[in-house]
């Protein structure tokens, strides 16, 4: 703690011995002042809400979140999301139920779409036409495979 205070310029020079309690108080005060000066109060990174709008994330320290949870919860309900910080670094996010449902719903709809595409592809691959094509490919000679590869490349453009 004292080293941090020295780095912040709290001690210019000490000419006479100082009481260790006074030294600790001064160091604590210097560190608190430094943190307060460099703290980004109230706002963290930008965030897109469920409507796609870019909004600022309100933030609370972990101590404030613990002591004033009602206010933090109300802010999360109104704004959609709240960041909780510890030592000025974001450590957790509190989402409103609407934001959570939108987040989970978006992920599940994408997963459902991909699952449907995979099922359709698998069904095509297991049909009689695909089975005959695979048998022909494994029975083909290297020259026939080369011709087929050239024909496929020309077909693609």
N, C-alpha and C. Protein backbone atom coordinates (compact mmCIF):
# COMPACT_ATOMS: atom_id res chain seq x y z
N UNK A 1 0.83 -1.17 0.00
CA UNK A 1 0.00 0.00 0.00
C UNK A 1 0.88 1.25 0.00
N UNK A 2 1.93 1.23 0.81
CA UNK A 2 2.81 2.39 0.89
C UNK A 2 3.54 2.60 -0.43
N UNK A 3 3.93 1.51 -1.09
CA UNK A 3 4.61 1.64 -2.38
C UNK A 3 3.69 2.29 -3.40
N UNK A 4 2.42 1.89 -3.37
CA UNK A 4 1.45 2.47 -4.31
C UNK A 4 1.30 3.96 -4.06
N UNK A 5 1.28 4.35 -2.78
CA UNK A 5 1.17 5.76 -2.44
C UNK A 5 2.41 6.53 -2.90
N UNK A 6 3.58 5.92 -2.76
CA UNK A 6 4.82 6.57 -3.22
C UNK A 6 4.76 6.77 -4.72
N UNK A 7 4.27 5.76 -5.44
CA UNK A 7 4.17 5.87 -6.90
C UNK A 7 3.22 6.99 -7.29
N UNK A 8 2.22 7.25 -6.48
CA UNK A 8 1.26 8.30 -6.78
C UNK A 8 1.74 9.68 -6.36
N UNK A 9 2.92 9.75 -5.77
CA UNK A 9 3.48 11.04 -5.39
C UNK A 9 3.03 11.54 -4.04
N UNK A 10 2.56 10.64 -3.18
CA UNK A 10 2.08 11.06 -1.86
C UNK A 10 3.23 11.52 -0.97
N UNK A 11 4.41 10.93 -1.17
CA UNK A 11 5.55 11.27 -0.32
C UNK A 11 6.63 11.93 -1.18
N UNK A 12 6.91 13.18 -0.87
CA UNK A 12 7.97 13.87 -1.58
C UNK A 12 9.31 13.47 -0.97
N UNK A 13 9.42 13.70 0.31
CA UNK A 13 10.61 13.27 1.03
C UNK A 13 10.28 13.26 2.52
N UNK A 14 10.91 12.39 3.22
CA UNK A 14 10.71 12.31 4.67
C UNK A 14 12.02 12.67 5.35
N UNK A 15 11.98 13.71 6.16
CA UNK A 15 13.18 14.19 6.81
C UNK A 15 13.31 13.61 8.20
N UNK A 16 12.19 13.45 8.88
CA UNK A 16 12.25 12.92 10.24
C UNK A 16 11.37 11.68 10.34
N UNK A 17 11.57 10.85 11.33
CA UNK A 17 10.75 9.65 11.50
C UNK A 17 9.28 10.01 11.66
N UNK A 18 8.43 9.18 11.09
CA UNK A 18 6.99 9.44 11.10
C UNK A 18 6.30 8.27 11.79
N UNK A 19 5.24 8.59 12.50
CA UNK A 19 4.42 7.56 13.15
C UNK A 19 3.87 6.61 12.08
N UNK A 20 3.98 5.29 12.29
CA UNK A 20 3.56 4.32 11.28
C UNK A 20 2.06 4.39 11.02
N UNK A 21 1.25 4.71 12.02
CA UNK A 21 -0.20 4.84 11.82
C UNK A 21 -0.50 6.02 10.90
N UNK A 22 0.19 7.14 11.12
CA UNK A 22 0.00 8.31 10.26
C UNK A 22 0.45 8.00 8.84
N UNK A 23 1.54 7.26 8.71
CA UNK A 23 2.03 6.87 7.40
C UNK A 23 1.01 6.00 6.67
N UNK A 24 0.43 5.03 7.38
CA UNK A 24 -0.60 4.17 6.77
C UNK A 24 -1.83 4.96 6.37
N UNK A 25 -2.27 5.90 7.23
CA UNK A 25 -3.44 6.72 6.89
C UNK A 25 -3.17 7.55 5.64
N UNK A 26 -1.99 8.14 5.56
CA UNK A 26 -1.63 8.94 4.39
C UNK A 26 -1.57 8.09 3.13
N UNK A 27 -0.99 6.91 3.25
CA UNK A 27 -0.91 6.01 2.10
C UNK A 27 -2.30 5.59 1.65
N UNK A 28 -3.15 5.22 2.60
CA UNK A 28 -4.53 4.83 2.26
C UNK A 28 -5.26 5.97 1.56
N UNK A 29 -5.10 7.18 2.09
CA UNK A 29 -5.77 8.34 1.50
C UNK A 29 -5.27 8.59 0.07
N UNK A 30 -3.96 8.47 -0.14
CA UNK A 30 -3.40 8.69 -1.48
C UNK A 30 -3.92 7.66 -2.47
N UNK A 31 -3.99 6.41 -2.05
CA UNK A 31 -4.49 5.36 -2.94
C UNK A 31 -5.96 5.59 -3.26
N UNK A 32 -6.76 5.97 -2.24
CA UNK A 32 -8.18 6.23 -2.48
C UNK A 32 -8.37 7.40 -3.45
N UNK A 33 -7.59 8.45 -3.26
CA UNK A 33 -7.69 9.61 -4.16
C UNK A 33 -7.32 9.23 -5.59
N UNK A 34 -6.27 8.42 -5.72
CA UNK A 34 -5.86 7.98 -7.05
C UNK A 34 -6.97 7.16 -7.72
N UNK A 35 -7.53 6.22 -6.99
CA UNK A 35 -8.60 5.39 -7.55
C UNK A 35 -9.81 6.23 -7.92
N UNK A 36 -10.16 7.18 -7.06
CA UNK A 36 -11.31 8.02 -7.33
C UNK A 36 -11.08 8.88 -8.58
N UNK A 37 -9.85 9.36 -8.75
CA UNK A 37 -9.54 10.20 -9.90
C UNK A 37 -9.58 9.42 -11.20
N UNK A 38 -9.21 8.14 -11.16
CA UNK A 38 -9.12 7.35 -12.38
C UNK A 38 -10.31 6.43 -12.60
N UNK A 39 -11.28 6.49 -11.73
CA UNK A 39 -12.44 5.62 -11.86
C UNK A 39 -13.39 6.18 -12.91
N UNK A 40 -13.88 5.30 -13.76
CA UNK A 40 -14.89 5.70 -14.73
C UNK A 40 -16.23 5.52 -14.04
N UNK A 41 -16.75 6.58 -13.51
CA UNK A 41 -17.96 6.51 -12.71
C UNK A 41 -19.19 6.25 -13.57
N UNK A 42 -19.97 5.24 -13.18
CA UNK A 42 -21.30 5.04 -13.72
C UNK A 42 -21.42 4.36 -15.06
N UNK A 43 -20.38 4.32 -15.89
CA UNK A 43 -20.55 3.78 -17.23
C UNK A 43 -19.38 2.88 -17.57
N UNK A 44 -19.68 1.75 -18.20
CA UNK A 44 -18.63 0.86 -18.69
C UNK A 44 -18.66 0.85 -20.21
N UNK A 45 -18.66 -0.30 -20.79
CA UNK A 45 -18.62 -0.44 -22.25
C UNK A 45 -20.01 -0.30 -22.85
N UNK A 46 -20.05 -0.12 -24.16
CA UNK A 46 -21.32 -0.04 -24.87
C UNK A 46 -21.89 -1.44 -25.05
N UNK A 47 -23.20 -1.53 -25.17
CA UNK A 47 -23.90 -2.81 -25.23
C UNK A 47 -25.12 -2.64 -26.12
N UNK A 48 -25.41 -3.63 -26.95
CA UNK A 48 -26.62 -3.59 -27.78
C UNK A 48 -27.72 -4.35 -27.06
N UNK A 49 -28.82 -3.67 -26.80
CA UNK A 49 -29.93 -4.32 -26.11
C UNK A 49 -30.73 -5.19 -27.08
N UNK A 50 -31.83 -5.77 -26.60
CA UNK A 50 -32.61 -6.71 -27.42
C UNK A 50 -33.23 -6.04 -28.65
N UNK A 51 -33.37 -4.73 -28.62
CA UNK A 51 -33.91 -4.01 -29.78
C UNK A 51 -32.80 -3.58 -30.75
N UNK A 52 -31.55 -3.91 -30.43
CA UNK A 52 -30.43 -3.57 -31.29
C UNK A 52 -29.87 -2.19 -31.06
N UNK A 53 -30.38 -1.48 -30.07
CA UNK A 53 -29.90 -0.13 -29.77
C UNK A 53 -28.63 -0.21 -28.93
N UNK A 54 -27.67 0.65 -29.24
CA UNK A 54 -26.44 0.68 -28.45
C UNK A 54 -26.69 1.54 -27.22
N UNK A 55 -26.53 0.94 -26.04
CA UNK A 55 -26.78 1.65 -24.79
C UNK A 55 -25.55 1.54 -23.89
N UNK A 56 -25.41 2.48 -23.00
CA UNK A 56 -24.32 2.45 -22.03
C UNK A 56 -24.73 1.57 -20.86
N UNK A 57 -23.79 0.83 -20.31
CA UNK A 57 -24.07 -0.06 -19.19
C UNK A 57 -23.80 0.68 -17.89
N UNK A 58 -24.82 0.87 -17.06
CA UNK A 58 -24.55 1.45 -15.74
C UNK A 58 -23.74 0.47 -14.91
N UNK A 59 -22.87 0.97 -14.05
CA UNK A 59 -22.06 0.07 -13.23
C UNK A 59 -22.15 0.45 -11.76
N UNK A 60 -21.97 -0.56 -10.93
CA UNK A 60 -21.95 -0.40 -9.49
C UNK A 60 -20.76 -1.18 -8.95
N UNK A 61 -20.17 -0.68 -7.89
CA UNK A 61 -19.12 -1.46 -7.25
C UNK A 61 -19.75 -2.65 -6.54
N UNK A 62 -18.96 -3.65 -6.25
CA UNK A 62 -19.48 -4.84 -5.56
C UNK A 62 -20.03 -4.46 -4.19
N UNK A 63 -19.38 -3.53 -3.52
CA UNK A 63 -19.86 -3.09 -2.21
C UNK A 63 -21.21 -2.40 -2.33
N UNK A 64 -21.35 -1.50 -3.32
CA UNK A 64 -22.64 -0.84 -3.54
C UNK A 64 -23.72 -1.85 -3.89
N UNK A 65 -23.37 -2.83 -4.72
CA UNK A 65 -24.35 -3.85 -5.11
C UNK A 65 -24.81 -4.64 -3.90
N UNK A 66 -23.89 -4.92 -2.99
CA UNK A 66 -24.24 -5.67 -1.79
C UNK A 66 -25.10 -4.83 -0.85
N UNK A 67 -24.70 -3.58 -0.63
CA UNK A 67 -25.39 -2.73 0.34
C UNK A 67 -26.68 -2.13 -0.20
N UNK A 68 -26.78 -1.92 -1.50
CA UNK A 68 -27.95 -1.27 -2.10
C UNK A 68 -28.53 -2.12 -3.22
N UNK A 69 -28.77 -3.39 -2.94
CA UNK A 69 -29.20 -4.31 -3.99
C UNK A 69 -30.53 -3.88 -4.61
N UNK A 70 -31.42 -3.30 -3.82
CA UNK A 70 -32.70 -2.84 -4.36
C UNK A 70 -32.52 -1.82 -5.47
N UNK A 71 -31.62 -0.88 -5.26
CA UNK A 71 -31.36 0.15 -6.28
C UNK A 71 -30.70 -0.46 -7.52
N UNK A 72 -29.79 -1.41 -7.30
CA UNK A 72 -29.12 -2.08 -8.42
C UNK A 72 -30.15 -2.87 -9.23
N UNK A 73 -31.03 -3.59 -8.53
CA UNK A 73 -32.06 -4.38 -9.21
C UNK A 73 -33.01 -3.49 -10.00
N UNK A 74 -33.41 -2.39 -9.41
CA UNK A 74 -34.31 -1.46 -10.11
C UNK A 74 -33.64 -0.88 -11.36
N UNK A 75 -32.36 -0.57 -11.27
CA UNK A 75 -31.62 -0.07 -12.43
C UNK A 75 -31.55 -1.14 -13.52
N UNK A 76 -31.30 -2.39 -13.12
CA UNK A 76 -31.24 -3.49 -14.09
C UNK A 76 -32.59 -3.67 -14.78
N UNK A 77 -33.67 -3.56 -14.03
CA UNK A 77 -35.01 -3.71 -14.63
C UNK A 77 -35.27 -2.58 -15.61
N UNK A 78 -34.90 -1.35 -15.25
CA UNK A 78 -35.15 -0.20 -16.12
C UNK A 78 -34.23 -0.16 -17.33
N UNK A 79 -32.94 -0.38 -17.11
CA UNK A 79 -31.95 -0.25 -18.19
C UNK A 79 -31.71 -1.55 -18.94
N UNK A 80 -32.06 -2.69 -18.35
CA UNK A 80 -31.87 -3.98 -19.01
C UNK A 80 -30.64 -4.72 -18.55
N UNK A 81 -29.60 -3.99 -18.17
CA UNK A 81 -28.34 -4.63 -17.76
C UNK A 81 -27.57 -3.70 -16.83
N UNK A 82 -26.86 -4.29 -15.87
CA UNK A 82 -26.03 -3.54 -14.94
C UNK A 82 -24.72 -4.31 -14.77
N UNK A 83 -23.60 -3.60 -14.79
CA UNK A 83 -22.30 -4.23 -14.55
C UNK A 83 -21.92 -4.03 -13.08
N UNK A 84 -21.30 -5.06 -12.52
CA UNK A 84 -20.81 -4.99 -11.14
C UNK A 84 -19.29 -5.08 -11.20
N UNK A 85 -18.63 -4.10 -10.59
CA UNK A 85 -17.17 -4.02 -10.67
C UNK A 85 -16.53 -4.30 -9.32
N UNK A 86 -15.29 -4.74 -9.40
CA UNK A 86 -14.46 -4.89 -8.20
C UNK A 86 -13.10 -4.32 -8.58
N UNK A 87 -12.62 -3.37 -7.82
CA UNK A 87 -11.36 -2.68 -8.10
C UNK A 87 -11.37 -2.10 -9.52
N UNK A 88 -12.48 -1.48 -9.88
CA UNK A 88 -12.65 -0.79 -11.16
C UNK A 88 -12.62 -1.70 -12.38
N UNK A 89 -12.71 -2.99 -12.19
CA UNK A 89 -12.74 -3.93 -13.31
C UNK A 89 -14.08 -4.66 -13.28
N UNK A 90 -14.76 -4.76 -14.42
CA UNK A 90 -16.05 -5.47 -14.44
C UNK A 90 -15.86 -6.93 -14.08
N UNK A 91 -16.69 -7.42 -13.16
CA UNK A 91 -16.59 -8.81 -12.70
C UNK A 91 -17.88 -9.59 -12.95
N UNK A 92 -19.03 -8.91 -13.03
CA UNK A 92 -20.31 -9.60 -13.22
C UNK A 92 -21.28 -8.67 -13.92
N UNK A 93 -22.32 -9.28 -14.49
CA UNK A 93 -23.37 -8.52 -15.15
C UNK A 93 -24.71 -9.02 -14.63
N UNK A 94 -25.60 -8.11 -14.31
CA UNK A 94 -26.94 -8.44 -13.86
C UNK A 94 -27.90 -8.05 -14.98
N UNK A 95 -28.63 -9.05 -15.52
CA UNK A 95 -29.56 -8.81 -16.62
C UNK A 95 -30.99 -8.78 -16.12
N UNK A 96 -31.83 -7.97 -16.75
CA UNK A 96 -33.25 -8.03 -16.46
C UNK A 96 -33.80 -9.31 -17.09
N UNK A 97 -34.98 -9.72 -16.65
CA UNK A 97 -35.58 -10.95 -17.17
C UNK A 97 -35.87 -10.81 -18.67
N UNK A 98 -36.29 -9.63 -19.10
CA UNK A 98 -36.57 -9.42 -20.53
C UNK A 98 -35.31 -9.59 -21.37
N UNK A 99 -34.20 -8.99 -20.92
CA UNK A 99 -32.93 -9.13 -21.66
C UNK A 99 -32.47 -10.58 -21.68
N UNK A 100 -32.60 -11.27 -20.54
CA UNK A 100 -32.19 -12.67 -20.46
C UNK A 100 -33.01 -13.52 -21.43
N UNK A 101 -34.33 -13.34 -21.43
CA UNK A 101 -35.19 -14.12 -22.33
C UNK A 101 -34.87 -13.83 -23.79
N UNK A 102 -34.60 -12.57 -24.11
CA UNK A 102 -34.23 -12.21 -25.49
C UNK A 102 -32.91 -12.86 -25.88
N UNK A 103 -31.96 -12.87 -24.98
CA UNK A 103 -30.65 -13.47 -25.24
C UNK A 103 -30.77 -14.98 -25.45
N UNK A 104 -31.50 -15.65 -24.58
CA UNK A 104 -31.68 -17.09 -24.68
C UNK A 104 -32.52 -17.44 -25.90
N UNK A 105 -33.54 -16.65 -26.17
CA UNK A 105 -34.41 -16.91 -27.33
C UNK A 105 -33.67 -16.76 -28.64
N UNK A 106 -32.80 -15.76 -28.75
CA UNK A 106 -32.03 -15.56 -29.98
C UNK A 106 -31.10 -16.72 -30.22
N UNK A 107 -30.45 -17.19 -29.17
CA UNK A 107 -29.52 -18.32 -29.32
C UNK A 107 -30.27 -19.59 -29.70
N UNK A 108 -31.42 -19.82 -29.08
CA UNK A 108 -32.15 -21.05 -29.38
C UNK A 108 -32.75 -21.03 -30.78
N UNK A 109 -33.17 -19.86 -31.28
CA UNK A 109 -33.71 -19.81 -32.64
C UNK A 109 -32.60 -20.08 -33.67
N UNK A 110 -31.39 -19.58 -33.43
CA UNK A 110 -30.28 -19.87 -34.33
C UNK A 110 -29.94 -21.36 -34.29
N UNK A 111 -29.97 -21.93 -33.10
CA UNK A 111 -29.69 -23.36 -32.95
C UNK A 111 -30.75 -24.20 -33.65
N UNK A 112 -32.01 -23.79 -33.54
CA UNK A 112 -33.09 -24.52 -34.22
C UNK A 112 -32.92 -24.46 -35.73
N UNK A 113 -32.52 -23.31 -36.26
CA UNK A 113 -32.30 -23.17 -37.70
C UNK A 113 -31.16 -24.07 -38.16
N UNK A 114 -30.05 -24.04 -37.44
CA UNK A 114 -28.91 -24.90 -37.80
C UNK A 114 -29.26 -26.37 -37.69
N UNK A 115 -30.02 -26.73 -36.69
CA UNK A 115 -30.43 -28.12 -36.50
C UNK A 115 -31.30 -28.58 -37.67
N UNK A 116 -32.21 -27.72 -38.11
CA UNK A 116 -33.06 -28.05 -39.26
C UNK A 116 -32.25 -28.23 -40.53
N UNK A 117 -31.28 -27.34 -40.76
CA UNK A 117 -30.42 -27.46 -41.95
C UNK A 117 -29.60 -28.74 -41.91
N UNK A 118 -29.09 -29.09 -40.73
CA UNK A 118 -28.31 -30.32 -40.60
C UNK A 118 -29.18 -31.54 -40.86
N UNK A 119 -30.38 -31.56 -40.32
CA UNK A 119 -31.28 -32.70 -40.54
C UNK A 119 -31.60 -32.87 -42.02
N UNK A 120 -31.85 -31.76 -42.73
CA UNK A 120 -32.14 -31.83 -44.17
C UNK A 120 -30.93 -32.35 -44.94
N UNK A 121 -29.74 -31.89 -44.60
CA UNK A 121 -28.52 -32.35 -45.26
C UNK A 121 -28.30 -33.84 -45.01
N UNK A 122 -28.50 -34.27 -43.79
CA UNK A 122 -28.34 -35.68 -43.44
C UNK A 122 -29.34 -36.55 -44.19
N UNK A 123 -30.57 -36.08 -44.32
CA UNK A 123 -31.59 -36.84 -45.05
C UNK A 123 -31.20 -36.98 -46.53
N UNK A 124 -30.67 -35.90 -47.13
CA UNK A 124 -30.23 -35.98 -48.53
C UNK A 124 -29.07 -36.95 -48.68
N UNK A 125 -28.17 -36.96 -47.71
CA UNK A 125 -26.99 -37.83 -47.80
C UNK A 125 -27.34 -39.31 -47.62
N UNK A 126 -28.46 -39.60 -47.01
CA UNK A 126 -28.83 -40.99 -46.78
C UNK A 126 -29.83 -41.52 -47.80
N UNK A 127 -30.12 -40.74 -48.82
CA UNK A 127 -31.06 -41.18 -49.86
C UNK A 127 -30.40 -42.15 -50.83
N UNK A 128 -31.21 -42.81 -51.67
CA UNK A 128 -30.67 -43.79 -52.63
C UNK A 128 -29.72 -43.16 -53.66
N UNK A 129 -29.99 -41.92 -54.07
CA UNK A 129 -29.14 -41.26 -55.06
C UNK A 129 -27.74 -41.01 -54.47
N UNK A 130 -27.69 -40.53 -53.21
CA UNK A 130 -26.41 -40.28 -52.56
C UNK A 130 -25.66 -41.59 -52.32
N UNK A 131 -26.38 -42.64 -51.96
CA UNK A 131 -25.75 -43.95 -51.73
C UNK A 131 -25.12 -44.46 -53.02
N UNK A 132 -25.83 -44.34 -54.15
CA UNK A 132 -25.29 -44.79 -55.44
C UNK A 132 -24.06 -43.96 -55.83
N UNK A 133 -24.11 -42.65 -55.55
CA UNK A 133 -22.97 -41.78 -55.84
C UNK A 133 -21.74 -42.15 -55.04
N UNK A 134 -21.92 -42.49 -53.77
CA UNK A 134 -20.79 -42.90 -52.92
C UNK A 134 -20.19 -44.21 -53.41
N UNK A 135 -21.04 -45.17 -53.80
CA UNK A 135 -20.53 -46.45 -54.31
C UNK A 135 -19.72 -46.21 -55.58
N UNK A 136 -20.23 -45.33 -56.45
CA UNK A 136 -19.53 -45.04 -57.70
C UNK A 136 -18.19 -44.34 -57.42
N UNK A 137 -18.16 -43.45 -56.44
CA UNK A 137 -16.92 -42.73 -56.11
C UNK A 137 -15.85 -43.68 -55.58
N UNK A 138 -16.24 -44.61 -54.74
CA UNK A 138 -15.26 -45.56 -54.19
C UNK A 138 -14.84 -46.60 -55.21
N UNK A 139 -15.67 -46.84 -56.22
CA UNK A 139 -15.32 -47.83 -57.25
C UNK A 139 -14.55 -47.19 -58.41
N UNK A 140 -14.47 -45.86 -58.45
CA UNK A 140 -13.85 -45.17 -59.59
C UNK A 140 -12.33 -45.30 -59.55
N UNK A 141 -11.75 -45.26 -60.74
CA UNK A 141 -10.29 -45.29 -60.87
C UNK A 141 -9.75 -43.88 -60.62
N UNK A 142 -8.45 -43.74 -60.38
CA UNK A 142 -7.87 -42.41 -60.18
C UNK A 142 -8.10 -41.48 -61.37
N UNK A 143 -8.06 -42.00 -62.57
CA UNK A 143 -8.29 -41.16 -63.76
C UNK A 143 -9.73 -40.65 -63.77
N UNK A 144 -10.68 -41.52 -63.42
CA UNK A 144 -12.09 -41.10 -63.39
C UNK A 144 -12.32 -40.05 -62.29
N UNK A 145 -11.67 -40.22 -61.14
CA UNK A 145 -11.79 -39.23 -60.06
C UNK A 145 -11.22 -37.87 -60.49
N UNK A 146 -10.09 -37.89 -61.21
CA UNK A 146 -9.49 -36.65 -61.71
C UNK A 146 -10.41 -35.94 -62.68
N UNK A 147 -11.01 -36.69 -63.61
CA UNK A 147 -11.95 -36.08 -64.57
C UNK A 147 -13.16 -35.49 -63.85
N UNK A 148 -13.66 -36.21 -62.84
CA UNK A 148 -14.82 -35.72 -62.09
C UNK A 148 -14.47 -34.44 -61.33
N UNK A 149 -13.26 -34.37 -60.78
CA UNK A 149 -12.83 -33.18 -60.06
C UNK A 149 -12.71 -31.98 -60.99
N UNK A 150 -12.16 -32.19 -62.18
CA UNK A 150 -12.04 -31.10 -63.16
C UNK A 150 -13.42 -30.63 -63.60
N UNK A 151 -14.33 -31.58 -63.85
CA UNK A 151 -15.69 -31.22 -64.27
C UNK A 151 -16.40 -30.43 -63.17
N UNK A 152 -16.22 -30.83 -61.91
CA UNK A 152 -16.86 -30.12 -60.80
C UNK A 152 -16.28 -28.71 -60.66
N UNK A 153 -14.97 -28.56 -60.86
CA UNK A 153 -14.34 -27.25 -60.77
C UNK A 153 -14.83 -26.32 -61.87
N UNK A 154 -14.99 -26.85 -63.07
CA UNK A 154 -15.50 -26.03 -64.19
C UNK A 154 -16.95 -25.63 -63.95
N UNK A 155 -17.70 -26.53 -63.36
CA UNK A 155 -19.11 -26.28 -63.09
C UNK A 155 -19.28 -25.13 -62.09
N UNK A 156 -18.38 -25.05 -61.12
CA UNK A 156 -18.45 -23.99 -60.10
C UNK A 156 -18.03 -22.63 -60.65
N UNK A 157 -17.27 -22.65 -61.73
CA UNK A 157 -16.94 -21.37 -62.34
C UNK A 157 -15.53 -21.06 -62.24
